[in-house]
């Protein structure tokens, strides 16, 4: 769980506890048990969605690592193939083989 989300959940739960203990007094200010239940439900939803996001982040992290591994292989292959052309053919013929740089 992200630190920001966890901190907000913790602060909100502490607030809810205090509000519930003093609900009789707070009713005069328009606060009801229904309001507190709604807030508690929202906190539950936040925690649940955050867990789903954590799972997605973990999956994405694995996929990105896999993709980067493949990318490294493709880059190595590219450099090796390009080197064959640069070493064995004159610069004027490089474009014929798909080597577009002039360096």
PDB file of N, CA and C in Angstrom:
ATOM      1  N   UNK A   1       0.850  -1.167   0.000  1.00  0.00           N
ATOM      2  CA  UNK A   1       0.000   0.000   0.000  1.00  0.00           C
ATOM      3  C   UNK A   1       0.898   1.233   0.000  1.00  0.00           C
ATOM      4  N   UNK A   2       0.518   2.196  -0.805  1.00  0.00           N
ATOM      5  CA  UNK A   2       1.331   3.406  -0.861  1.00  0.00           C
ATOM      6  C   UNK A   2       1.255   4.138   0.471  1.00  0.00           C
ATOM      7  N   UNK A   3       2.326   4.821   0.790  1.00  0.00           N
ATOM      8  CA  UNK A   3       2.426   5.525   2.071  1.00  0.00           C
ATOM      9  C   UNK A   3       1.338   6.594   2.188  1.00  0.00           C
ATOM     10  N   UNK A   4       1.073   7.305   1.113  1.00  0.00           N
ATOM     11  CA  UNK A   4       0.059   8.361   1.133  1.00  0.00           C
ATOM     12  C   UNK A   4      -1.315   7.792   1.462  1.00  0.00           C
ATOM     13  N   UNK A   5      -1.666   6.700   0.806  1.00  0.00           N
ATOM     14  CA  UNK A   5      -2.972   6.081   1.027  1.00  0.00           C
ATOM     15  C   UNK A   5      -3.049   5.535   2.451  1.00  0.00           C
ATOM     16  N   UNK A   6      -2.006   4.843   2.885  1.00  0.00           N
ATOM     17  CA  UNK A   6      -2.002   4.263   4.233  1.00  0.00           C
ATOM     18  C   UNK A   6      -2.135   5.343   5.301  1.00  0.00           C
ATOM     19  N   UNK A   7      -1.414   6.451   5.131  1.00  0.00           N
ATOM     20  CA  UNK A   7      -1.518   7.546   6.097  1.00  0.00           C
ATOM     21  C   UNK A   7      -2.934   8.112   6.148  1.00  0.00           C
ATOM     22  N   UNK A   8      -3.555   8.278   4.983  1.00  0.00           N
ATOM     23  CA  UNK A   8      -4.908   8.830   4.960  1.00  0.00           C
ATOM     24  C   UNK A   8      -5.894   7.870   5.611  1.00  0.00           C
ATOM     25  N   UNK A   9      -5.758   6.584   5.344  1.00  0.00           N
ATOM     26  CA  UNK A   9      -6.644   5.594   5.961  1.00  0.00           C
ATOM     27  C   UNK A   9      -6.471   5.614   7.478  1.00  0.00           C
ATOM     28  N   UNK A  10      -5.229   5.618   7.937  1.00  0.00           N
ATOM     29  CA  UNK A  10      -4.972   5.634   9.383  1.00  0.00           C
ATOM     30  C   UNK A  10      -5.548   6.886  10.037  1.00  0.00           C
ATOM     31  N   UNK A  11      -5.313   8.050   9.430  1.00  0.00           N
ATOM     32  CA  UNK A  11      -5.838   9.300   9.997  1.00  0.00           C
ATOM     33  C   UNK A  11      -7.361   9.304   9.992  1.00  0.00           C
ATOM     34  N   UNK A  12      -7.947   8.793   8.919  1.00  0.00           N
ATOM     35  CA  UNK A  12      -9.404   8.779   8.818  1.00  0.00           C
ATOM     36  C   UNK A  12     -10.018   7.825   9.829  1.00  0.00           C
ATOM     37  N   UNK A  13      -9.390   6.682  10.050  1.00  0.00           N
ATOM     38  CA  UNK A  13      -9.910   5.726  11.043  1.00  0.00           C
ATOM     39  C   UNK A  13      -9.817   6.308  12.453  1.00  0.00           C
ATOM     40  N   UNK A  14      -8.730   6.992  12.737  1.00  0.00           N
ATOM     41  CA  UNK A  14      -8.584   7.641  14.045  1.00  0.00           C
ATOM     42  C   UNK A  14      -9.659   8.704  14.223  1.00  0.00           C
ATOM     43  N   UNK A  15      -9.900   9.485  13.184  1.00  0.00           N
ATOM     44  CA  UNK A  15     -10.945  10.508  13.235  1.00  0.00           C
ATOM     45  C   UNK A  15     -12.310   9.857  13.447  1.00  0.00           C
ATOM     46  N   UNK A  16     -12.599   8.807  12.696  1.00  0.00           N
ATOM     47  CA  UNK A  16     -13.883   8.118  12.842  1.00  0.00           C
ATOM     48  C   UNK A  16     -14.098   7.622  14.266  1.00  0.00           C
ATOM     49  N   UNK A  17     -13.052   7.077  14.849  1.00  0.00           N
ATOM     50  CA  UNK A  17     -13.146   6.579  16.223  1.00  0.00           C
ATOM     51  C   UNK A  17     -13.512   7.712  17.173  1.00  0.00           C
ATOM     52  N   UNK A  18     -12.832   8.839  17.020  1.00  0.00           N
ATOM     53  CA  UNK A  18     -13.121   9.999  17.858  1.00  0.00           C
ATOM     54  C   UNK A  18     -14.512  10.550  17.615  1.00  0.00           C
ATOM     55  N   UNK A  19     -14.922  10.585  16.360  1.00  0.00           N
ATOM     56  CA  UNK A  19     -16.259  11.091  16.048  1.00  0.00           C
ATOM     57  C   UNK A  19     -17.336  10.185  16.628  1.00  0.00           C
ATOM     58  N   UNK A  20     -17.132   8.891  16.536  1.00  0.00           N
ATOM     59  CA  UNK A  20     -18.117   7.936  17.065  1.00  0.00           C
ATOM     60  C   UNK A  20     -18.256   8.075  18.586  1.00  0.00           C
ATOM     61  N   UNK A  21     -17.139   8.282  19.245  1.00  0.00           N
ATOM     62  CA  UNK A  21     -17.166   8.422  20.705  1.00  0.00           C
ATOM     63  C   UNK A  21     -17.891   9.696  21.139  1.00  0.00           C
ATOM     64  N   UNK A  22     -17.957  10.657  20.240  1.00  0.00           N
ATOM     65  CA  UNK A  22     -18.570  11.945  20.582  1.00  0.00           C
ATOM     66  C   UNK A  22     -19.751  12.286  19.683  1.00  0.00           C
ATOM     67  N   UNK A  23     -20.365  11.268  19.122  1.00  0.00           N
ATOM     68  CA  UNK A  23     -21.440  11.497  18.155  1.00  0.00           C
ATOM     69  C   UNK A  23     -22.617  12.250  18.766  1.00  0.00           C
ATOM     70  N   UNK A  24     -22.934  11.961  20.030  1.00  0.00           N
ATOM     71  CA  UNK A  24     -24.049  12.664  20.679  1.00  0.00           C
ATOM     72  C   UNK A  24     -23.878  14.168  20.619  1.00  0.00           C
ATOM     73  N   UNK A  25     -22.683  14.620  20.888  1.00  0.00           N
ATOM     74  CA  UNK A  25     -22.388  16.052  20.861  1.00  0.00           C
ATOM     75  C   UNK A  25     -22.362  16.587  19.426  1.00  0.00           C
ATOM     76  N   UNK A  26     -21.890  15.770  18.494  1.00  0.00           N
ATOM     77  CA  UNK A  26     -21.716  16.220  17.112  1.00  0.00           C
ATOM     78  C   UNK A  26     -23.022  16.255  16.319  1.00  0.00           C
ATOM     79  N   UNK A  27     -24.048  15.586  16.818  1.00  0.00           N
ATOM     80  CA  UNK A  27     -25.344  15.611  16.125  1.00  0.00           C
ATOM     81  C   UNK A  27     -25.879  17.031  16.019  1.00  0.00           C
ATOM     82  N   UNK A  28     -25.532  17.851  16.994  1.00  0.00           N
ATOM     83  CA  UNK A  28     -25.968  19.256  16.976  1.00  0.00           C
ATOM     84  C   UNK A  28     -25.337  20.017  15.821  1.00  0.00           C
ATOM     85  N   UNK A  29     -24.255  19.467  15.288  1.00  0.00           N
ATOM     86  CA  UNK A  29     -23.560  20.107  14.158  1.00  0.00           C
ATOM     87  C   UNK A  29     -23.872  19.415  12.837  1.00  0.00           C
ATOM     88  N   UNK A  30     -24.919  18.601  12.839  1.00  0.00           N
ATOM     89  CA  UNK A  30     -25.385  17.980  11.610  1.00  0.00           C
ATOM     90  C   UNK A  30     -24.712  16.661  11.257  1.00  0.00           C
ATOM     91  N   UNK A  31     -23.939  16.078  12.161  1.00  0.00           N
ATOM     92  CA  UNK A  31     -23.257  14.822  11.872  1.00  0.00           C
ATOM     93  C   UNK A  31     -24.116  13.661  12.367  1.00  0.00           C
ATOM     94  N   UNK A  32     -24.182  12.609  11.554  1.00  0.00           N
ATOM     95  CA  UNK A  32     -24.990  11.450  11.934  1.00  0.00           C
ATOM     96  C   UNK A  32     -24.178  10.166  11.795  1.00  0.00           C
ATOM     97  N   UNK A  33     -24.699   9.102  12.378  1.00  0.00           N
ATOM     98  CA  UNK A  33     -24.064   7.788  12.241  1.00  0.00           C
ATOM     99  C   UNK A  33     -23.994   7.392  10.773  1.00  0.00           C
ATOM    100  N   UNK A  34     -24.985   7.783  10.004  1.00  0.00           N
ATOM    101  CA  UNK A  34     -24.999   7.484   8.570  1.00  0.00           C
ATOM    102  C   UNK A  34     -23.802   8.123   7.869  1.00  0.00           C
ATOM    103  N   UNK A  35     -23.471   9.351   8.262  1.00  0.00           N
ATOM    104  CA  UNK A  35     -22.296  10.030   7.693  1.00  0.00           C
ATOM    105  C   UNK A  35     -21.021   9.244   7.991  1.00  0.00           C
ATOM    106  N   UNK A  36     -20.916   8.762   9.217  1.00  0.00           N
ATOM    107  CA  UNK A  36     -19.728   8.016   9.624  1.00  0.00           C
ATOM    108  C   UNK A  36     -19.666   6.662   8.917  1.00  0.00           C
ATOM    109  N   UNK A  37     -20.809   6.032   8.742  1.00  0.00           N
ATOM    110  CA  UNK A  37     -20.843   4.757   8.012  1.00  0.00           C
ATOM    111  C   UNK A  37     -20.438   4.946   6.558  1.00  0.00           C
ATOM    112  N   UNK A  38     -20.879   6.049   5.960  1.00  0.00           N
ATOM    113  CA  UNK A  38     -20.503   6.360   4.577  1.00  0.00           C
ATOM    114  C   UNK A  38     -18.992   6.555   4.469  1.00  0.00           C
ATOM    115  N   UNK A  39     -18.421   7.283   5.405  1.00  0.00           N
ATOM    116  CA  UNK A  39     -16.978   7.514   5.401  1.00  0.00           C
ATOM    117  C   UNK A  39     -16.231   6.193   5.593  1.00  0.00           C
ATOM    118  N   UNK A  40     -16.731   5.352   6.487  1.00  0.00           N
ATOM    119  CA  UNK A  40     -16.093   4.060   6.734  1.00  0.00           C
ATOM    120  C   UNK A  40     -16.156   3.174   5.493  1.00  0.00           C
ATOM    121  N   UNK A  41     -17.280   3.220   4.801  1.00  0.00           N
ATOM    122  CA  UNK A  41     -17.432   2.452   3.559  1.00  0.00           C
ATOM    123  C   UNK A  41     -16.439   2.947   2.504  1.00  0.00           C
ATOM    124  N   UNK A  42     -16.303   4.259   2.391  1.00  0.00           N
ATOM    125  CA  UNK A  42     -15.347   4.831   1.439  1.00  0.00           C
ATOM    126  C   UNK A  42     -13.914   4.419   1.768  1.00  0.00           C
ATOM    127  N   UNK A  43     -13.578   4.365   3.042  1.00  0.00           N
ATOM    128  CA  UNK A  43     -12.244   3.926   3.456  1.00  0.00           C
ATOM    129  C   UNK A  43     -12.007   2.477   3.046  1.00  0.00           C
ATOM    130  N   UNK A  44     -13.021   1.647   3.213  1.00  0.00           N
ATOM    131  CA  UNK A  44     -12.908   0.253   2.785  1.00  0.00           C
ATOM    132  C   UNK A  44     -12.692   0.146   1.289  1.00  0.00           C
ATOM    133  N   UNK A  45     -13.434   0.957   0.535  1.00  0.00           N
ATOM    134  CA  UNK A  45     -13.281   0.963  -0.920  1.00  0.00           C
ATOM    135  C   UNK A  45     -11.886   1.433  -1.317  1.00  0.00           C
ATOM    136  N   UNK A  46     -11.395   2.460  -0.630  1.00  0.00           N
ATOM    137  CA  UNK A  46     -10.058   2.982  -0.909  1.00  0.00           C
ATOM    138  C   UNK A  46      -9.002   1.914  -0.673  1.00  0.00           C
ATOM    139  N   UNK A  47      -9.110   1.213   0.443  1.00  0.00           N
ATOM    140  CA  UNK A  47      -8.140   0.156   0.754  1.00  0.00           C
ATOM    141  C   UNK A  47      -8.200  -0.959  -0.289  1.00  0.00           C
ATOM    142  N   UNK A  48      -9.412  -1.328  -0.689  1.00  0.00           N
ATOM    143  CA  UNK A  48      -9.578  -2.404  -1.680  1.00  0.00           C
ATOM    144  C   UNK A  48      -9.000  -2.007  -3.040  1.00  0.00           C
ATOM    145  N   UNK A  49      -9.316  -0.818  -3.498  1.00  0.00           N
ATOM    146  CA  UNK A  49      -8.816  -0.346  -4.788  1.00  0.00           C
ATOM    147  C   UNK A  49      -7.300  -0.194  -4.742  1.00  0.00           C
ATOM    148  N   UNK A  50      -6.780   0.258  -3.609  1.00  0.00           N
ATOM    149  CA  UNK A  50      -5.341   0.411  -3.479  1.00  0.00           C
ATOM    150  C   UNK A  50      -4.646  -0.951  -3.571  1.00  0.00           C
ATOM    151  N   UNK A  51      -5.229  -1.980  -2.975  1.00  0.00           N
ATOM    152  CA  UNK A  51      -4.663  -3.330  -3.086  1.00  0.00           C
ATOM    153  C   UNK A  51      -4.648  -3.790  -4.541  1.00  0.00           C
ATOM    154  N   UNK A  52      -5.722  -3.500  -5.262  1.00  0.00           N
ATOM    155  CA  UNK A  52      -5.782  -3.856  -6.683  1.00  0.00           C
ATOM    156  C   UNK A  52      -4.694  -3.115  -7.462  1.00  0.00           C
ATOM    157  N   UNK A  53      -4.491  -1.851  -7.144  1.00  0.00           N
ATOM    158  CA  UNK A  53      -3.451  -1.067  -7.812  1.00  0.00           C
ATOM    159  C   UNK A  53      -2.066  -1.625  -7.501  1.00  0.00           C
ATOM    160  N   UNK A  54      -1.857  -2.040  -6.263  1.00  0.00           N
ATOM    161  CA  UNK A  54      -0.571  -2.644  -5.895  1.00  0.00           C
ATOM    162  C   UNK A  54      -0.308  -3.898  -6.711  1.00  0.00           C
ATOM    163  N   UNK A  55      -1.349  -4.722  -6.894  1.00  0.00           N
ATOM    164  CA  UNK A  55      -1.196  -5.950  -7.689  1.00  0.00           C
ATOM    165  C   UNK A  55      -0.873  -5.609  -9.146  1.00  0.00           C
ATOM    166  N   UNK A  56      -1.534  -4.606  -9.676  1.00  0.00           N
ATOM    167  CA  UNK A  56      -1.276  -4.179 -11.059  1.00  0.00           C
ATOM    168  C   UNK A  56       0.148  -3.649 -11.185  1.00  0.00           C
ATOM    169  N   UNK A  57       0.583  -2.854 -10.195  1.00  0.00           N
ATOM    170  CA  UNK A  57       1.956  -2.322 -10.223  1.00  0.00           C
ATOM    171  C   UNK A  57       2.984  -3.449 -10.200  1.00  0.00           C
ATOM    172  N   UNK A  58       2.740  -4.458  -9.366  1.00  0.00           N
ATOM    173  CA  UNK A  58       3.679  -5.581  -9.273  1.00  0.00           C
ATOM    174  C   UNK A  58       3.738  -6.335 -10.599  1.00  0.00           C
ATOM    175  N   UNK A  59       2.579  -6.559 -11.207  1.00  0.00           N
ATOM    176  CA  UNK A  59       2.528  -7.242 -12.500  1.00  0.00           C
ATOM    177  C   UNK A  59       3.222  -6.413 -13.572  1.00  0.00           C
ATOM    178  N   UNK A  60       2.951  -5.118 -13.570  1.00  0.00           N
ATOM    179  CA  UNK A  60       3.572  -4.227 -14.546  1.00  0.00           C
ATOM    180  C   UNK A  60       5.092  -4.215 -14.377  1.00  0.00           C
ATOM    181  N   UNK A  61       5.540  -4.191 -13.137  1.00  0.00           N
ATOM    182  CA  UNK A  61       6.980  -4.188 -12.884  1.00  0.00           C
ATOM    183  C   UNK A  61       7.642  -5.421 -13.493  1.00  0.00           C
ATOM    184  N   UNK A  62       7.031  -6.581 -13.337  1.00  0.00           N
ATOM    185  CA  UNK A  62       7.574  -7.815 -13.908  1.00  0.00           C
ATOM    186  C   UNK A  62       7.586  -7.746 -15.439  1.00  0.00           C
ATOM    187  N   UNK A  63       6.512  -7.226 -16.011  1.00  0.00           N
ATOM    188  CA  UNK A  63       6.432  -7.127 -17.472  1.00  0.00           C
ATOM    189  C   UNK A  63       7.464  -6.142 -18.013  1.00  0.00           C
ATOM    190  N   UNK A  64       7.673  -5.046 -17.307  1.00  0.00           N
ATOM    191  CA  UNK A  64       8.658  -4.056 -17.741  1.00  0.00           C
ATOM    192  C   UNK A  64      10.060  -4.665 -17.688  1.00  0.00           C
ATOM    193  N   UNK A  65      10.366  -5.429 -16.626  1.00  0.00           N
ATOM    194  CA  UNK A  65      11.669  -6.087 -16.544  1.00  0.00           C
ATOM    195  C   UNK A  65      11.849  -7.057 -17.709  1.00  0.00           C
ATOM    196  N   UNK A  66      10.813  -7.805 -18.013  1.00  0.00           N
ATOM    197  CA  UNK A  66      10.871  -8.757 -19.128  1.00  0.00           C
ATOM    198  C   UNK A  66      11.075  -8.015 -20.459  1.00  0.00           C
ATOM    199  N   UNK A  67      10.312  -6.949 -20.641  1.00  0.00           N
ATOM    200  CA  UNK A  67      10.432  -6.149 -21.859  1.00  0.00           C
ATOM    201  C   UNK A  67      11.835  -5.567 -21.999  1.00  0.00           C
ATOM    202  N   UNK A  68      12.385  -5.056 -20.906  1.00  0.00           N
ATOM    203  CA  UNK A  68      13.725  -4.470 -20.957  1.00  0.00           C
ATOM    204  C   UNK A  68      14.778  -5.517 -21.287  1.00  0.00           C
ATOM    205  N   UNK A  69      14.585  -6.737 -20.815  1.00  0.00           N
ATOM    206  CA  UNK A  69      15.494  -7.815 -21.170  1.00  0.00           C
ATOM    207  C   UNK A  69      15.455  -8.103 -22.664  1.00  0.00           C
ATOM    208  N   UNK A  70      14.263  -8.147 -23.204  1.00  0.00           N
ATOM    209  CA  UNK A  70      14.118  -8.367 -24.650  1.00  0.00           C
ATOM    210  C   UNK A  70      14.715  -7.195 -25.424  1.00  0.00           C
ATOM    211  N   UNK A  71      14.459  -5.979 -24.956  1.00  0.00           N
ATOM    212  CA  UNK A  71      15.004  -4.789 -25.605  1.00  0.00           C
ATOM    213  C   UNK A  71      16.534  -4.832 -25.636  1.00  0.00           C
ATOM    214  N   UNK A  72      17.136  -5.239 -24.543  1.00  0.00           N
ATOM    215  CA  UNK A  72      18.600  -5.353 -24.511  1.00  0.00           C
ATOM    216  C   UNK A  72      19.096  -6.329 -25.570  1.00  0.00           C
ATOM    217  N   UNK A  73      18.400  -7.450 -25.708  1.00  0.00           N
ATOM    218  CA  UNK A  73      18.778  -8.436 -26.722  1.00  0.00           C
ATOM    219  C   UNK A  73      18.642  -7.889 -28.131  1.00  0.00           C
ATOM    220  N   UNK A  74      17.563  -7.174 -28.366  1.00  0.00           N
ATOM    221  CA  UNK A  74      17.339  -6.582 -29.691  1.00  0.00           C
ATOM    222  C   UNK A  74      18.425  -5.546 -29.991  1.00  0.00           C
ATOM    223  N   UNK A  75      18.773  -4.735 -29.024  1.00  0.00           N
ATOM    224  CA  UNK A  75      19.817  -3.725 -29.226  1.00  0.00           C
ATOM    225  C   UNK A  75      21.164  -4.375 -29.537  1.00  0.00           C
ATOM    226  N   UNK A  76      21.504  -5.419 -28.781  1.00  0.00           N
ATOM    227  CA  UNK A  76      22.773  -6.121 -29.042  1.00  0.00           C
ATOM    228  C   UNK A  76      22.793  -6.701 -30.450  1.00  0.00           C
ATOM    229  N   UNK A  77      21.697  -7.325 -30.834  1.00  0.00           N
ATOM    230  CA  UNK A  77      21.596  -7.910 -32.167  1.00  0.00           C
ATOM    231  C   UNK A  77      21.726  -6.834 -33.238  1.00  0.00           C
ATOM    232  N   UNK A  78      21.073  -5.712 -33.023  1.00  0.00           N
ATOM    233  CA  UNK A  78      21.123  -4.592 -33.955  1.00  0.00           C
ATOM    234  C   UNK A  78      22.559  -4.111 -34.151  1.00  0.00           C
ATOM    235  N   UNK A  79      23.261  -3.911 -33.033  1.00  0.00           N
ATOM    236  CA  UNK A  79      24.642  -3.414 -33.092  1.00  0.00           C
ATOM    237  C   UNK A  79      25.538  -4.420 -33.814  1.00  0.00           C
ATOM    238  N   UNK A  80      25.379  -5.701 -33.504  1.00  0.00           N
ATOM    239  CA  UNK A  80      26.197  -6.732 -34.148  1.00  0.00           C
ATOM    240  C   UNK A  80      25.967  -6.766 -35.654  1.00  0.00           C
ATOM    241  N   UNK A  81      24.726  -6.727 -36.062  1.00  0.00           N
ATOM    242  CA  UNK A  81      24.402  -6.800 -37.495  1.00  0.00           C
ATOM    243  C   UNK A  81      24.880  -5.552 -38.222  1.00  0.00           C
ATOM    244  N   UNK A  82      24.676  -4.407 -37.587  1.00  0.00           N
ATOM    245  CA  UNK A  82      25.092  -3.148 -38.192  1.00  0.00           C
ATOM    246  C   UNK A  82      26.613  -3.105 -38.345  1.00  0.00           C
ATOM    247  N   UNK A  83      27.316  -3.647 -37.381  1.00  0.00           N
ATOM    248  CA  UNK A  83      28.779  -3.654 -37.420  1.00  0.00           C
ATOM    249  C   UNK A  83      29.283  -4.469 -38.613  1.00  0.00           C
ATOM    250  N   UNK A  84      28.598  -5.571 -38.923  1.00  0.00           N
ATOM    251  CA  UNK A  84      28.993  -6.398 -40.074  1.00  0.00           C
ATOM    252  C   UNK A  84      28.965  -5.556 -41.345  1.00  0.00           C
ATOM    253  N   UNK A  85      27.930  -4.765 -41.494  1.00  0.00           N
ATOM    254  CA  UNK A  85      27.805  -3.923 -42.697  1.00  0.00           C
ATOM    255  C   UNK A  85      28.878  -2.840 -42.697  1.00  0.00           C
ATOM    256  N   UNK A  86      29.051  -2.160 -41.582  1.00  0.00           N
ATOM    257  CA  UNK A  86      30.007  -1.051 -41.519  1.00  0.00           C
ATOM    258  C   UNK A  86      31.448  -1.516 -41.746  1.00  0.00           C
ATOM    259  N   UNK A  87      31.757  -2.706 -41.271  1.00  0.00           N
ATOM    260  CA  UNK A  87      33.133  -3.201 -41.388  1.00  0.00           C
ATOM    261  C   UNK A  87      33.412  -3.752 -42.789  1.00  0.00           C
ATOM    262  N   UNK A  88      32.414  -4.319 -43.428  1.00  0.00           N
ATOM    263  CA  UNK A  88      32.639  -5.042 -44.681  1.00  0.00           C
ATOM    264  C   UNK A  88      32.219  -4.300 -45.955  1.00  0.00           C
ATOM    265  N   UNK A  89      31.561  -3.171 -45.813  1.00  0.00           N
ATOM    266  CA  UNK A  89      31.095  -2.454 -47.005  1.00  0.00           C
ATOM    267  C   UNK A  89      31.462  -0.981 -46.907  1.00  0.00           C
ATOM    268  N   UNK A  90      31.666  -0.315 -48.032  1.00  0.00           N
ATOM    269  CA  UNK A  90      31.964   1.118 -48.007  1.00  0.00           C
ATOM    270  C   UNK A  90      30.731   1.912 -47.566  1.00  0.00           C
ATOM    271  N   UNK A  91      30.984   3.057 -47.016  1.00  0.00           N
ATOM    272  CA  UNK A  91      29.923   3.896 -46.463  1.00  0.00           C
ATOM    273  C   UNK A  91      28.826   4.195 -47.482  1.00  0.00           C
ATOM    274  N   UNK A  92      29.168   4.317 -48.734  1.00  0.00           N
ATOM    275  CA  UNK A  92      28.185   4.631 -49.776  1.00  0.00           C
ATOM    276  C   UNK A  92      27.136   3.516 -49.918  1.00  0.00           C
ATOM    277  N   UNK A  93      27.462   2.299 -49.537  1.00  0.00           N
ATOM    278  CA  UNK A  93      26.556   1.164 -49.688  1.00  0.00           C
ATOM    279  C   UNK A  93      25.762   0.853 -48.413  1.00  0.00           C
ATOM    280  N   UNK A  94      26.057   1.509 -47.321  1.00  0.00           N
ATOM    281  CA  UNK A  94      25.394   1.201 -46.052  1.00  0.00           C
ATOM    282  C   UNK A  94      23.871   1.336 -46.149  1.00  0.00           C
ATOM    283  N   UNK A  95      23.398   2.385 -46.800  1.00  0.00           N
ATOM    284  CA  UNK A  95      21.950   2.625 -46.889  1.00  0.00           C
ATOM    285  C   UNK A  95      21.244   1.457 -47.577  1.00  0.00           C
ATOM    286  N   UNK A  96      21.912   0.824 -48.509  1.00  0.00           N
ATOM    287  CA  UNK A  96      21.353  -0.329 -49.217  1.00  0.00           C
ATOM    288  C   UNK A  96      21.002  -1.455 -48.236  1.00  0.00           C
ATOM    289  N   UNK A  97      21.743  -1.546 -47.138  1.00  0.00           N
ATOM    290  CA  UNK A  97      21.532  -2.579 -46.132  1.00  0.00           C
ATOM    291  C   UNK A  97      20.748  -2.076 -44.908  1.00  0.00           C
ATOM    292  N   UNK A  98      20.229  -0.877 -45.010  1.00  0.00           N
ATOM    293  CA  UNK A  98      19.432  -0.326 -43.910  1.00  0.00           C
ATOM    294  C   UNK A  98      20.221   0.381 -42.836  1.00  0.00           C
ATOM    295  N   UNK A  99      21.500   0.645 -43.075  1.00  0.00           N
ATOM    296  CA  UNK A  99      22.328   1.394 -42.136  1.00  0.00           C
ATOM    297  C   UNK A  99      22.313   2.841 -42.604  1.00  0.00           C
ATOM    298  N   UNK A 100      21.617   3.691 -41.866  1.00  0.00           N
ATOM    299  CA  UNK A 100      21.384   5.042 -42.350  1.00  0.00           C
ATOM    300  C   UNK A 100      22.346   6.076 -41.792  1.00  0.00           C
ATOM    301  N   UNK A 101      23.063   5.766 -40.719  1.00  0.00           N
ATOM    302  CA  UNK A 101      23.974   6.768 -40.171  1.00  0.00           C
ATOM    303  C   UNK A 101      25.250   6.860 -40.980  1.00  0.00           C
ATOM    304  N   UNK A 102      25.874   8.012 -40.953  1.00  0.00           N
ATOM    305  CA  UNK A 102      27.067   8.263 -41.764  1.00  0.00           C
ATOM    306  C   UNK A 102      28.323   8.251 -40.918  1.00  0.00           C
ATOM    307  N   UNK A 103      28.237   7.966 -39.645  1.00  0.00           N
ATOM    308  CA  UNK A 103      29.419   7.989 -38.776  1.00  0.00           C
ATOM    309  C   UNK A 103      30.297   6.812 -38.979  1.00  0.00           C
TER     310      UNK A 103
END
